[in-house]
């Protein structure tokens, strides 16, 4: 990274209140992870790949639920669990 970019970042950081330090650190960790992460799709298990293909097939063939329908089913299930 160029020194001018680092200076800009440093100047911005100086203007941010201390109570945001944890948020900044978490975001920097996230950016570091993204920059170094390999393509997750290349590391799927055969079962994961099969489930994704099944989901795509469900979409293609209209086997879906509306948000409203899904929420009703989820709420009914949660009520049973209580």
C-alpha atoms as a PDB file:
ATOM      1  CA  UNK A   1       0.000   0.000   0.000  1.00  0.00           C
ATOM      2  CA  UNK A   2       1.295   3.441  -0.878  1.00  0.00           C
ATOM      3  CA  UNK A   3       2.387   5.790   1.882  1.00  0.00           C
ATOM      4  CA  UNK A   4      -0.182   8.380   0.771  1.00  0.00           C
ATOM      5  CA  UNK A   5      -2.996   5.853   1.185  1.00  0.00           C
ATOM      6  CA  UNK A   6      -1.719   4.882   4.619  1.00  0.00           C
ATOM      7  CA  UNK A   7      -1.598   8.559   5.599  1.00  0.00           C
ATOM      8  CA  UNK A   8      -5.190   9.045   4.478  1.00  0.00           C
ATOM      9  CA  UNK A   9      -6.302   6.014   6.487  1.00  0.00           C
ATOM     10  CA  UNK A  10      -4.330   7.168   9.512  1.00  0.00           C
ATOM     11  CA  UNK A  11      -5.881  10.646   9.349  1.00  0.00           C
ATOM     12  CA  UNK A  12      -9.380   9.173   9.151  1.00  0.00           C
ATOM     13  CA  UNK A  13      -8.667   6.867  12.078  1.00  0.00           C
ATOM     14  CA  UNK A  14      -7.519   9.785  14.223  1.00  0.00           C
ATOM     15  CA  UNK A  15     -10.923  11.428  13.806  1.00  0.00           C
ATOM     16  CA  UNK A  16     -12.895   8.381  14.959  1.00  0.00           C
ATOM     17  CA  UNK A  17     -13.811   8.147  18.661  1.00  0.00           C
ATOM     18  CA  UNK A  18     -12.108   5.455  20.753  1.00  0.00           C
ATOM     19  CA  UNK A  19     -15.374   3.629  21.379  1.00  0.00           C
ATOM     20  CA  UNK A  20     -15.293   2.479  17.736  1.00  0.00           C
ATOM     21  CA  UNK A  21     -11.935   0.697  18.044  1.00  0.00           C
ATOM     22  CA  UNK A  22     -13.507  -2.766  18.291  1.00  0.00           C
ATOM     23  CA  UNK A  23     -15.713  -2.096  15.262  1.00  0.00           C
ATOM     24  CA  UNK A  24     -12.730  -0.928  13.250  1.00  0.00           C
ATOM     25  CA  UNK A  25     -10.679  -3.966  14.253  1.00  0.00           C
ATOM     26  CA  UNK A  26     -13.511  -6.326  13.299  1.00  0.00           C
ATOM     27  CA  UNK A  27     -13.881  -4.648   9.928  1.00  0.00           C
ATOM     28  CA  UNK A  28     -10.132  -4.822   9.290  1.00  0.00           C
ATOM     29  CA  UNK A  29     -10.194  -8.530  10.174  1.00  0.00           C
ATOM     30  CA  UNK A  30     -13.060  -9.000   7.723  1.00  0.00           C
ATOM     31  CA  UNK A  31     -11.191  -7.169   4.954  1.00  0.00           C
ATOM     32  CA  UNK A  32      -8.067  -9.202   5.631  1.00  0.00           C
ATOM     33  CA  UNK A  33     -10.082 -12.414   5.492  1.00  0.00           C
ATOM     34  CA  UNK A  34     -11.725 -11.365   2.197  1.00  0.00           C
ATOM     35  CA  UNK A  35      -8.398 -10.433   0.669  1.00  0.00           C
ATOM     36  CA  UNK A  36      -6.883 -13.804   1.558  1.00  0.00           C
ATOM     37  CA  UNK A  37      -9.883 -16.109   1.261  1.00  0.00           C
ATOM     38  CA  UNK A  38      -9.899 -18.740  -1.404  1.00  0.00           C
ATOM     39  CA  UNK A  39     -12.988 -19.354  -3.476  1.00  0.00           C
ATOM     40  CA  UNK A  40     -15.320 -21.131  -1.060  1.00  0.00           C
ATOM     41  CA  UNK A  41     -17.159 -22.847  -3.895  1.00  0.00           C
ATOM     42  CA  UNK A  42     -14.007 -24.747  -4.826  1.00  0.00           C
ATOM     43  CA  UNK A  43     -13.989 -26.357  -1.377  1.00  0.00           C
ATOM     44  CA  UNK A  44     -17.562 -27.626  -1.154  1.00  0.00           C
ATOM     45  CA  UNK A  45     -18.109 -31.188  -0.048  1.00  0.00           C
ATOM     46  CA  UNK A  46     -19.918 -33.497  -2.475  1.00  0.00           C
ATOM     47  CA  UNK A  47     -22.949 -33.360  -0.161  1.00  0.00           C
ATOM     48  CA  UNK A  48     -22.915 -29.529  -0.202  1.00  0.00           C
ATOM     49  CA  UNK A  49     -22.719 -29.535  -4.007  1.00  0.00           C
ATOM     50  CA  UNK A  50     -25.630 -31.997  -4.165  1.00  0.00           C
ATOM     51  CA  UNK A  51     -27.745 -29.821  -1.856  1.00  0.00           C
ATOM     52  CA  UNK A  52     -27.042 -26.710  -3.933  1.00  0.00           C
ATOM     53  CA  UNK A  53     -27.970 -28.556  -7.136  1.00  0.00           C
ATOM     54  CA  UNK A  54     -31.167 -29.807  -5.482  1.00  0.00           C
ATOM     55  CA  UNK A  55     -32.058 -26.244  -4.431  1.00  0.00           C
ATOM     56  CA  UNK A  56     -31.410 -24.938  -7.937  1.00  0.00           C
ATOM     57  CA  UNK A  57     -33.601 -27.720  -9.318  1.00  0.00           C
ATOM     58  CA  UNK A  58     -36.357 -26.805  -6.834  1.00  0.00           C
ATOM     59  CA  UNK A  59     -36.228 -23.186  -8.024  1.00  0.00           C
ATOM     60  CA  UNK A  60     -36.236 -24.213 -11.671  1.00  0.00           C
ATOM     61  CA  UNK A  61     -39.288 -26.425 -11.136  1.00  0.00           C
ATOM     62  CA  UNK A  62     -41.269 -23.969  -9.033  1.00  0.00           C
ATOM     63  CA  UNK A  63     -40.893 -25.827  -5.749  1.00  0.00           C
ATOM     64  CA  UNK A  64     -40.693 -22.693  -3.635  1.00  0.00           C
ATOM     65  CA  UNK A  65     -42.504 -20.996  -0.765  1.00  0.00           C
ATOM     66  CA  UNK A  66     -43.415 -17.350  -0.414  1.00  0.00           C
ATOM     67  CA  UNK A  67     -41.864 -15.405   2.442  1.00  0.00           C
ATOM     68  CA  UNK A  68     -45.281 -15.232   4.097  1.00  0.00           C
ATOM     69  CA  UNK A  69     -45.794 -18.988   3.813  1.00  0.00           C
ATOM     70  CA  UNK A  70     -42.322 -19.731   5.166  1.00  0.00           C
ATOM     71  CA  UNK A  71     -42.805 -17.372   8.117  1.00  0.00           C
ATOM     72  CA  UNK A  72     -46.114 -19.075   9.009  1.00  0.00           C
ATOM     73  CA  UNK A  73     -44.436 -22.499   8.980  1.00  0.00           C
ATOM     74  CA  UNK A  74     -41.481 -21.263  11.029  1.00  0.00           C
ATOM     75  CA  UNK A  75     -43.720 -19.535  13.576  1.00  0.00           C
ATOM     76  CA  UNK A  76     -45.875 -22.662  13.925  1.00  0.00           C
ATOM     77  CA  UNK A  77     -42.747 -24.754  14.494  1.00  0.00           C
ATOM     78  CA  UNK A  78     -41.400 -22.326  17.100  1.00  0.00           C
ATOM     79  CA  UNK A  79     -44.749 -22.333  18.938  1.00  0.00           C
ATOM     80  CA  UNK A  80     -44.629 -26.151  19.086  1.00  0.00           C
ATOM     81  CA  UNK A  81     -41.134 -26.010  20.589  1.00  0.00           C
ATOM     82  CA  UNK A  82     -42.233 -23.866  23.555  1.00  0.00           C
END
